[in-house]
Amino acid sequence: MSQKLYVGNLPFGASEEALKNLFAEAGTVESVKIITDTYSGRSRGFGFVEMASKEEGEKAISLLNGKTFMERALVVNEAKPQKKKGGEFRGGRRDRDR
């Protein structure tokens, strides 16, 4: 079973390929995604790496958390489950309801 990792404090110039090569030291990397700003396309400074197994994920955390990458100390830990967005749409403006 794979393990998804959160990677924070990424340099803005980091590429997904460079991140994949870095995490390959710990094991098989299944996917890499650097989160970018919708409007500017610039990196938001964090991303996610999916390792092939939980053991490789734990190894990546122990090897890379705090490690300097492109002059920045990485923050690496297990990703938390994504919360569902949305909810009930109420519509309208409040001041019109009066």
N, C-alpha and C. Protein backbone atom coordinates (compact mmCIF):
# COMPACT_ATOMS: atom_id res chain seq x y z
N MET A 1 0.83 -1.18 0.00
CA MET A 1 0.00 0.00 0.00
C MET A 1 0.88 1.24 0.00
N SER A 2 0.57 2.20 -0.86
CA SER A 2 1.40 3.39 -0.99
C SER A 2 1.15 4.37 0.16
N GLN A 3 2.06 5.31 0.28
CA GLN A 3 1.94 6.33 1.32
C GLN A 3 2.18 7.70 0.69
N LYS A 4 1.26 8.63 0.96
CA LYS A 4 1.37 9.98 0.43
C LYS A 4 2.03 10.87 1.48
N LEU A 5 3.02 11.64 1.03
CA LEU A 5 3.77 12.50 1.92
C LEU A 5 3.57 13.97 1.54
N TYR A 6 3.49 14.81 2.55
CA TYR A 6 3.46 16.26 2.37
C TYR A 6 4.91 16.74 2.39
N VAL A 7 5.26 17.62 1.44
CA VAL A 7 6.59 18.20 1.39
C VAL A 7 6.44 19.71 1.42
N GLY A 8 6.90 20.33 2.48
CA GLY A 8 6.78 21.77 2.64
C GLY A 8 8.11 22.48 2.57
N ASN A 9 8.04 23.81 2.50
CA ASN A 9 9.21 24.69 2.42
C ASN A 9 10.03 24.43 1.16
N LEU A 10 9.31 24.11 0.06
CA LEU A 10 10.00 23.88 -1.21
C LEU A 10 10.50 25.18 -1.80
N PRO A 11 11.67 25.16 -2.40
CA PRO A 11 12.13 26.35 -3.12
C PRO A 11 11.20 26.60 -4.32
N PHE A 12 10.97 27.86 -4.66
CA PHE A 12 10.06 28.17 -5.75
C PHE A 12 10.58 27.68 -7.09
N GLY A 13 11.88 27.48 -7.21
CA GLY A 13 12.47 27.01 -8.46
C GLY A 13 12.56 25.50 -8.57
N ALA A 14 12.06 24.77 -7.59
CA ALA A 14 12.14 23.30 -7.62
C ALA A 14 11.21 22.73 -8.68
N SER A 15 11.67 21.68 -9.35
CA SER A 15 10.84 21.00 -10.34
C SER A 15 10.37 19.66 -9.79
N GLU A 16 9.30 19.14 -10.38
CA GLU A 16 8.79 17.82 -9.96
C GLU A 16 9.84 16.75 -10.23
N GLU A 17 10.59 16.88 -11.32
CA GLU A 17 11.63 15.90 -11.66
C GLU A 17 12.74 15.90 -10.60
N ALA A 18 13.17 17.08 -10.17
CA ALA A 18 14.22 17.18 -9.14
C ALA A 18 13.73 16.59 -7.82
N LEU A 19 12.46 16.83 -7.49
CA LEU A 19 11.89 16.29 -6.26
C LEU A 19 11.79 14.76 -6.34
N LYS A 20 11.41 14.26 -7.49
CA LYS A 20 11.33 12.81 -7.69
C LYS A 20 12.70 12.17 -7.52
N ASN A 21 13.73 12.78 -8.09
CA ASN A 21 15.09 12.25 -7.96
C ASN A 21 15.55 12.26 -6.51
N LEU A 22 15.19 13.29 -5.76
CA LEU A 22 15.56 13.38 -4.35
C LEU A 22 14.90 12.25 -3.55
N PHE A 23 13.60 12.05 -3.75
CA PHE A 23 12.86 11.04 -2.99
C PHE A 23 13.18 9.62 -3.44
N ALA A 24 13.74 9.46 -4.63
CA ALA A 24 14.12 8.13 -5.12
C ALA A 24 15.22 7.51 -4.26
N GLU A 25 15.94 8.34 -3.50
CA GLU A 25 16.96 7.83 -2.56
C GLU A 25 16.32 6.92 -1.51
N ALA A 26 15.05 7.16 -1.19
CA ALA A 26 14.36 6.42 -0.13
C ALA A 26 13.58 5.22 -0.68
N GLY A 27 13.36 5.16 -2.00
CA GLY A 27 12.60 4.05 -2.57
C GLY A 27 11.88 4.46 -3.85
N THR A 28 10.88 3.67 -4.20
CA THR A 28 10.13 3.88 -5.43
C THR A 28 9.12 5.02 -5.28
N VAL A 29 9.24 6.01 -6.15
CA VAL A 29 8.34 7.15 -6.15
C VAL A 29 7.24 6.89 -7.18
N GLU A 30 5.99 6.90 -6.72
CA GLU A 30 4.87 6.66 -7.63
C GLU A 30 4.39 7.93 -8.30
N SER A 31 4.36 9.06 -7.56
CA SER A 31 3.94 10.32 -8.16
C SER A 31 4.49 11.50 -7.37
N VAL A 32 4.60 12.63 -8.07
CA VAL A 32 5.06 13.88 -7.46
C VAL A 32 4.17 14.99 -7.99
N LYS A 33 3.70 15.87 -7.10
CA LYS A 33 2.88 17.00 -7.51
C LYS A 33 3.26 18.21 -6.68
N ILE A 34 3.79 19.25 -7.36
CA ILE A 34 4.07 20.52 -6.72
C ILE A 34 2.84 21.39 -6.95
N ILE A 35 2.30 21.96 -5.88
CA ILE A 35 1.08 22.77 -5.96
C ILE A 35 1.45 24.17 -6.46
N THR A 36 0.70 24.63 -7.47
CA THR A 36 0.96 25.95 -8.05
C THR A 36 -0.24 26.87 -7.87
N ASP A 37 0.04 28.16 -7.90
CA ASP A 37 -1.01 29.16 -7.81
C ASP A 37 -1.83 29.15 -9.10
N THR A 38 -3.14 29.20 -8.98
CA THR A 38 -4.04 29.13 -10.13
C THR A 38 -3.82 30.27 -11.11
N TYR A 39 -3.59 31.46 -10.60
CA TYR A 39 -3.51 32.64 -11.45
C TYR A 39 -2.11 32.88 -12.01
N SER A 40 -1.09 32.79 -11.17
CA SER A 40 0.27 33.11 -11.62
C SER A 40 1.02 31.89 -12.16
N GLY A 41 0.61 30.69 -11.75
CA GLY A 41 1.31 29.49 -12.17
C GLY A 41 2.57 29.24 -11.38
N ARG A 42 2.87 30.10 -10.43
CA ARG A 42 4.07 29.97 -9.59
C ARG A 42 3.84 28.95 -8.48
N SER A 43 4.90 28.26 -8.10
CA SER A 43 4.82 27.29 -7.01
C SER A 43 4.35 27.96 -5.73
N ARG A 44 3.54 27.22 -4.95
CA ARG A 44 3.07 27.74 -3.66
C ARG A 44 4.00 27.32 -2.53
N GLY A 45 5.07 26.59 -2.84
CA GLY A 45 6.07 26.23 -1.84
C GLY A 45 5.81 24.91 -1.13
N PHE A 46 4.86 24.12 -1.63
CA PHE A 46 4.64 22.79 -1.05
C PHE A 46 4.14 21.84 -2.14
N GLY A 47 4.17 20.57 -1.80
CA GLY A 47 3.72 19.57 -2.76
C GLY A 47 3.51 18.23 -2.07
N PHE A 48 3.26 17.21 -2.89
CA PHE A 48 3.00 15.87 -2.38
C PHE A 48 3.80 14.85 -3.17
N VAL A 49 4.32 13.86 -2.45
CA VAL A 49 5.04 12.76 -3.08
C VAL A 49 4.40 11.48 -2.60
N GLU A 50 4.11 10.58 -3.53
CA GLU A 50 3.53 9.30 -3.16
C GLU A 50 4.59 8.21 -3.32
N MET A 51 4.89 7.55 -2.22
CA MET A 51 5.87 6.46 -2.22
C MET A 51 5.15 5.13 -2.38
N ALA A 52 5.85 4.13 -2.92
CA ALA A 52 5.24 2.84 -3.25
C ALA A 52 4.75 2.07 -2.03
N SER A 53 5.41 2.23 -0.89
CA SER A 53 4.98 1.49 0.30
C SER A 53 5.10 2.37 1.54
N LYS A 54 4.44 1.94 2.60
CA LYS A 54 4.50 2.68 3.86
C LYS A 54 5.92 2.69 4.40
N GLU A 55 6.64 1.59 4.25
CA GLU A 55 8.02 1.51 4.73
C GLU A 55 8.92 2.52 4.01
N GLU A 56 8.74 2.64 2.68
CA GLU A 56 9.53 3.60 1.92
C GLU A 56 9.14 5.03 2.30
N GLY A 57 7.87 5.24 2.59
CA GLY A 57 7.42 6.54 3.04
C GLY A 57 8.05 6.94 4.36
N GLU A 58 8.09 6.00 5.31
CA GLU A 58 8.71 6.26 6.61
C GLU A 58 10.21 6.52 6.45
N LYS A 59 10.84 5.79 5.53
CA LYS A 59 12.27 5.98 5.28
C LYS A 59 12.51 7.37 4.70
N ALA A 60 11.64 7.80 3.77
CA ALA A 60 11.77 9.13 3.17
C ALA A 60 11.63 10.22 4.22
N ILE A 61 10.68 10.04 5.14
CA ILE A 61 10.50 11.03 6.21
C ILE A 61 11.75 11.13 7.06
N SER A 62 12.28 9.98 7.46
CA SER A 62 13.46 10.01 8.33
C SER A 62 14.70 10.55 7.61
N LEU A 63 14.84 10.27 6.31
CA LEU A 63 16.00 10.75 5.55
C LEU A 63 15.91 12.22 5.17
N LEU A 64 14.70 12.67 4.81
CA LEU A 64 14.60 13.97 4.15
C LEU A 64 13.98 15.10 4.98
N ASN A 65 13.31 14.79 6.08
CA ASN A 65 12.75 15.86 6.91
C ASN A 65 13.88 16.68 7.52
N GLY A 66 13.92 17.96 7.20
CA GLY A 66 14.98 18.83 7.69
C GLY A 66 16.19 18.91 6.78
N LYS A 67 16.23 18.07 5.75
CA LYS A 67 17.37 18.07 4.83
C LYS A 67 17.32 19.32 3.95
N THR A 68 18.50 19.89 3.68
CA THR A 68 18.58 21.07 2.84
C THR A 68 18.48 20.65 1.37
N PHE A 69 17.55 21.31 0.67
CA PHE A 69 17.33 21.06 -0.75
C PHE A 69 17.24 22.42 -1.43
N MET A 70 18.19 22.73 -2.31
CA MET A 70 18.25 24.02 -2.98
C MET A 70 18.20 25.17 -1.96
N GLU A 71 19.02 25.04 -0.93
CA GLU A 71 19.20 26.04 0.13
C GLU A 71 17.99 26.25 1.03
N ARG A 72 17.05 25.30 1.07
CA ARG A 72 15.90 25.38 1.98
C ARG A 72 15.78 24.06 2.73
N ALA A 73 15.44 24.14 4.01
CA ALA A 73 15.26 22.94 4.83
C ALA A 73 13.84 22.40 4.59
N LEU A 74 13.75 21.20 4.05
CA LEU A 74 12.45 20.60 3.73
C LEU A 74 11.69 20.18 4.98
N VAL A 75 10.38 20.23 4.88
CA VAL A 75 9.50 19.68 5.91
C VAL A 75 8.80 18.50 5.23
N VAL A 76 9.02 17.30 5.76
CA VAL A 76 8.43 16.10 5.16
C VAL A 76 7.70 15.33 6.24
N ASN A 77 6.41 15.08 6.03
CA ASN A 77 5.65 14.24 6.94
C ASN A 77 4.49 13.59 6.19
N GLU A 78 3.80 12.70 6.88
CA GLU A 78 2.69 12.00 6.25
C GLU A 78 1.57 13.00 5.94
N ALA A 79 1.03 12.91 4.73
CA ALA A 79 -0.05 13.81 4.32
C ALA A 79 -1.33 13.45 5.06
N LYS A 80 -2.06 14.48 5.44
CA LYS A 80 -3.36 14.26 6.09
C LYS A 80 -4.40 14.05 4.99
N PRO A 81 -5.46 13.31 5.28
CA PRO A 81 -6.52 13.12 4.27
C PRO A 81 -7.13 14.46 3.87
N GLN A 82 -7.43 14.59 2.58
CA GLN A 82 -8.00 15.83 2.07
C GLN A 82 -9.44 15.97 2.54
N LYS A 83 -9.76 17.16 3.02
CA LYS A 83 -11.14 17.43 3.46
C LYS A 83 -11.99 17.70 2.24
N LYS A 84 -13.25 17.29 2.30
CA LYS A 84 -14.16 17.57 1.21
C LYS A 84 -14.49 19.05 1.20
N LYS A 85 -14.50 19.61 0.01
CA LYS A 85 -14.88 21.01 -0.14
C LYS A 85 -16.36 21.07 -0.43
N GLY A 86 -16.91 22.23 -0.22
CA GLY A 86 -18.30 22.42 -0.61
C GLY A 86 -19.22 22.48 0.58
N GLY A 87 -20.39 21.97 0.37
CA GLY A 87 -21.41 22.06 1.40
C GLY A 87 -22.66 22.60 0.75
N GLU A 88 -23.53 23.03 1.56
CA GLU A 88 -24.81 23.53 1.06
C GLU A 88 -24.65 24.94 0.49
N PHE A 89 -25.20 25.16 -0.69
CA PHE A 89 -25.19 26.50 -1.28
C PHE A 89 -26.48 27.20 -0.89
N ARG A 90 -26.35 28.33 -0.26
CA ARG A 90 -27.53 29.06 0.20
C ARG A 90 -27.93 30.15 -0.79
N GLY A 91 -26.97 30.63 -1.55
CA GLY A 91 -27.25 31.63 -2.57
C GLY A 91 -27.73 32.94 -2.00
N GLY A 92 -27.85 33.92 -2.89
CA GLY A 92 -28.40 35.21 -2.49
C GLY A 92 -27.49 36.02 -1.61
N ARG A 93 -27.91 37.23 -1.36
CA ARG A 93 -27.20 38.11 -0.45
C ARG A 93 -28.00 38.26 0.82
N ARG A 94 -27.31 38.43 1.92
CA ARG A 94 -28.00 38.54 3.22
C ARG A 94 -28.88 39.77 3.32
N ASP A 95 -28.41 40.88 2.76
CA ASP A 95 -29.19 42.10 2.92
C ASP A 95 -30.48 42.10 2.11
N ARG A 96 -30.61 41.18 1.18
CA ARG A 96 -31.84 41.09 0.40
C ARG A 96 -32.90 40.24 1.08
N ASP A 97 -32.51 39.49 2.08
CA ASP A 97 -33.46 38.61 2.77
C ASP A 97 -34.36 39.38 3.74
N ARG A 98 -34.12 40.64 3.94
CA ARG A 98 -34.87 41.42 4.93
C ARG A 98 -36.08 42.06 4.35
